[in-house]
Protein backbone atom coordinates (compact mmCIF):
# COMPACT_ATOMS: atom_id res chain seq x y z
CA MET A 1 -18.69 -4.04 -12.74
CA LEU A 2 -16.75 -5.54 -15.59
CA GLU A 3 -18.04 -8.76 -16.99
CA THR A 4 -15.58 -11.06 -18.71
CA ARG A 5 -16.91 -13.28 -21.41
CA GLN A 6 -15.22 -16.24 -22.94
CA PRO A 7 -14.93 -16.22 -26.70
CA LYS A 8 -17.86 -17.98 -28.37
CA ALA A 9 -15.56 -20.44 -30.16
CA LEU A 10 -14.09 -21.58 -26.85
CA THR A 11 -17.47 -22.17 -25.21
CA SER A 12 -18.86 -23.91 -28.28
CA LEU A 13 -15.90 -26.28 -28.36
CA SER A 14 -16.01 -27.13 -24.66
CA PRO A 15 -18.20 -30.27 -25.05
CA PRO A 16 -16.13 -31.76 -27.92
CA LEU A 17 -12.92 -30.96 -26.05
CA GLY A 18 -14.33 -32.68 -22.96
CA VAL A 19 -15.21 -35.78 -24.97
CA ALA A 20 -11.75 -35.77 -26.59
CA VAL A 21 -10.06 -35.53 -23.18
CA VAL A 22 -12.11 -38.40 -21.75
CA ALA A 23 -11.45 -40.53 -24.86
CA GLY A 24 -7.75 -39.71 -24.64
CA LEU A 25 -7.64 -40.71 -20.97
CA ALA A 26 -9.46 -43.96 -21.78
CA CYS A 27 -6.90 -44.67 -24.51
CA CYS A 28 -4.10 -44.02 -22.00
CA VAL A 29 -5.66 -46.56 -19.62
CA VAL A 30 -5.85 -49.13 -22.43
CA TRP A 31 -2.25 -48.38 -23.46
CA VAL A 32 -0.93 -48.80 -19.91
CA GLY A 33 -3.27 -51.70 -19.10
CA ASP A 34 -2.10 -53.77 -22.10
CA PRO A 35 -5.08 -56.08 -22.67
CA LEU A 36 -2.85 -58.45 -24.66
CA THR A 37 -1.17 -59.52 -21.41
CA PRO A 38 -3.24 -62.18 -19.59
CA GLY A 39 -4.12 -61.35 -15.99
CA GLY A 40 -3.55 -57.63 -16.48
CA MET A 41 -5.39 -54.77 -14.82
CA LEU A 42 -8.13 -54.59 -17.46
CA PRO A 43 -11.12 -56.89 -16.90
CA VAL A 44 -12.13 -59.72 -19.19
CA CYS A 45 -15.50 -59.65 -20.91
CA PRO A 46 -18.21 -60.79 -18.46
CA THR A 47 -20.15 -62.52 -21.25
CA LYS A 48 -17.06 -64.49 -22.26
CA ALA A 49 -16.21 -65.31 -18.63
CA LEU A 50 -19.73 -66.36 -17.60
CA LEU A 51 -21.20 -67.86 -20.78
CA GLY A 52 -18.12 -68.78 -22.79
CA ILE A 53 -19.30 -66.98 -25.93
CA ASP A 54 -18.02 -63.86 -27.65
CA CYS A 55 -20.28 -60.84 -27.26
CA PRO A 56 -20.29 -58.16 -30.00
CA GLY A 57 -17.80 -56.12 -27.96
CA CYS A 58 -15.37 -58.94 -27.17
CA GLY A 59 -11.89 -58.00 -28.27
CA SER A 60 -12.62 -54.25 -28.28
CA LEU A 61 -9.93 -53.39 -25.72
CA ARG A 62 -7.39 -55.42 -27.69
CA MET A 63 -8.64 -53.78 -30.89
CA ILE A 64 -8.12 -50.31 -29.43
CA TYR A 65 -4.71 -51.32 -28.05
CA SER A 66 -3.69 -52.57 -31.50
CA LEU A 67 -4.92 -49.35 -33.13
CA LEU A 68 -2.96 -47.26 -30.63
CA HIS A 69 0.14 -49.20 -31.64
CA GLY A 70 -0.54 -48.80 -35.38
CA ASP A 71 -1.51 -52.44 -35.96
CA VAL A 72 -4.65 -52.05 -38.08
CA LEU A 73 -4.71 -55.71 -39.18
CA GLY A 74 -4.43 -56.82 -35.56
CA ALA A 75 -7.28 -54.47 -34.67
CA LEU A 76 -9.36 -55.93 -37.50
CA ARG A 77 -8.65 -59.44 -36.22
CA PHE A 78 -9.72 -58.65 -32.64
CA ASN A 79 -13.02 -56.94 -33.52
CA ALA A 80 -13.83 -56.04 -37.12
CA LEU A 81 -17.20 -54.49 -36.30
CA GLY A 82 -15.58 -52.50 -33.49
CA LEU A 83 -13.00 -51.12 -35.91
CA VAL A 84 -15.72 -50.02 -38.35
CA SER A 85 -17.64 -48.54 -35.41
CA VAL A 86 -14.60 -46.48 -34.37
CA LEU A 87 -14.45 -45.02 -37.88
CA PHE A 88 -18.15 -44.10 -37.78
CA LEU A 89 -17.78 -42.61 -34.29
CA LEU A 90 -14.84 -40.49 -35.46
CA TRP A 91 -16.94 -39.33 -38.41
CA ALA A 92 -19.83 -38.42 -36.06
CA PHE A 93 -17.44 -36.66 -33.67
CA GLY A 94 -15.96 -34.65 -36.53
CA ALA A 95 -19.42 -33.62 -37.77
CA TRP A 96 -20.49 -32.66 -34.25
CA THR A 97 -17.33 -30.64 -33.64
CA TYR A 98 -17.60 -28.89 -37.00
CA GLY A 99 -21.26 -28.13 -36.28
CA ARG A 100 -20.26 -26.54 -32.97
CA VAL A 101 -17.69 -24.38 -34.77
CA VAL A 102 -20.02 -23.13 -37.50
CA GLY A 103 -22.99 -22.79 -35.14
CA ARG A 104 -25.42 -25.16 -36.81
CA ARG A 105 -26.20 -28.85 -36.68
CA ILE A 106 -24.46 -30.92 -39.33
CA ASN A 107 -26.64 -33.80 -40.42
CA SER A 108 -24.52 -36.90 -40.42
CA TRP A 109 -25.26 -40.63 -40.51
CA GLN A 110 -26.38 -40.79 -36.86
CA HIS A 111 -29.23 -38.34 -37.53
CA ARG A 112 -30.84 -40.58 -40.11
CA ARG A 113 -34.02 -42.36 -39.11
CA TRP A 114 -32.61 -45.76 -40.05
CA ALA A 115 -29.27 -45.44 -38.21
CA ALA A 116 -30.31 -47.07 -34.93
CA ALA A 117 -32.09 -49.96 -36.67
CA VAL A 118 -29.13 -50.64 -38.95
CA ALA A 119 -26.73 -50.53 -36.00
CA LEU A 120 -28.93 -52.95 -34.02
CA VAL A 121 -29.15 -55.39 -36.95
CA LEU A 122 -25.39 -55.24 -37.59
CA VAL A 123 -24.54 -55.85 -33.92
CA SER A 124 -27.05 -58.72 -33.72
CA VAL A 125 -25.71 -60.38 -36.88
CA TRP A 126 -22.12 -59.91 -35.64
CA PHE A 127 -23.07 -61.51 -32.30
CA VAL A 128 -24.45 -64.59 -34.04
CA VAL A 129 -21.85 -64.92 -36.81
CA ARG A 130 -18.82 -64.69 -34.54
CA ASN A 131 -20.19 -67.55 -32.41
CA VAL A 132 -20.99 -70.00 -35.23
CA PRO A 133 -18.94 -73.12 -34.38
CA SER A 134 -17.80 -74.00 -37.90
CA ALA A 135 -15.22 -72.74 -40.36
CA PRO A 136 -14.71 -70.02 -41.56
CA PHE A 137 -16.53 -68.37 -38.65
CA THR A 138 -14.27 -69.91 -36.01
CA SER A 139 -11.57 -67.49 -37.18
CA LEU A 140 -13.68 -64.71 -35.62
CA TYR A 141 -13.25 -66.12 -32.10
CA VAL A 142 -11.17 -63.97 -29.75
């Protein structure tokens, strides 16, 4: 009986390709959903709707929509921390994909012992700062 094997490169890249496909589909939904149009198909932030405050993720759909349309300044305006997070996630994805290709783990920022604590502190500070009701922080409202 003949056994067919897939090339090692193809099987090692299956997880990153799966993540890229899911991310691409999510971007297509955001593109079609147009979060800049009020009352569209994409939901509003539950924290904003129920409590009236901006959560750390508020504006992320609009930030992604702006990025997809090449408007980096608009993306920065909607969610600055989200934009920085996208860059770090792309970096981590690239390191993971490269590690799968070369067959060894590539130590990147997310493998550092301090990464989770720093991320938690940054998100917490962003949550507080963007809800301070005085200038210049009111410019962070979305």
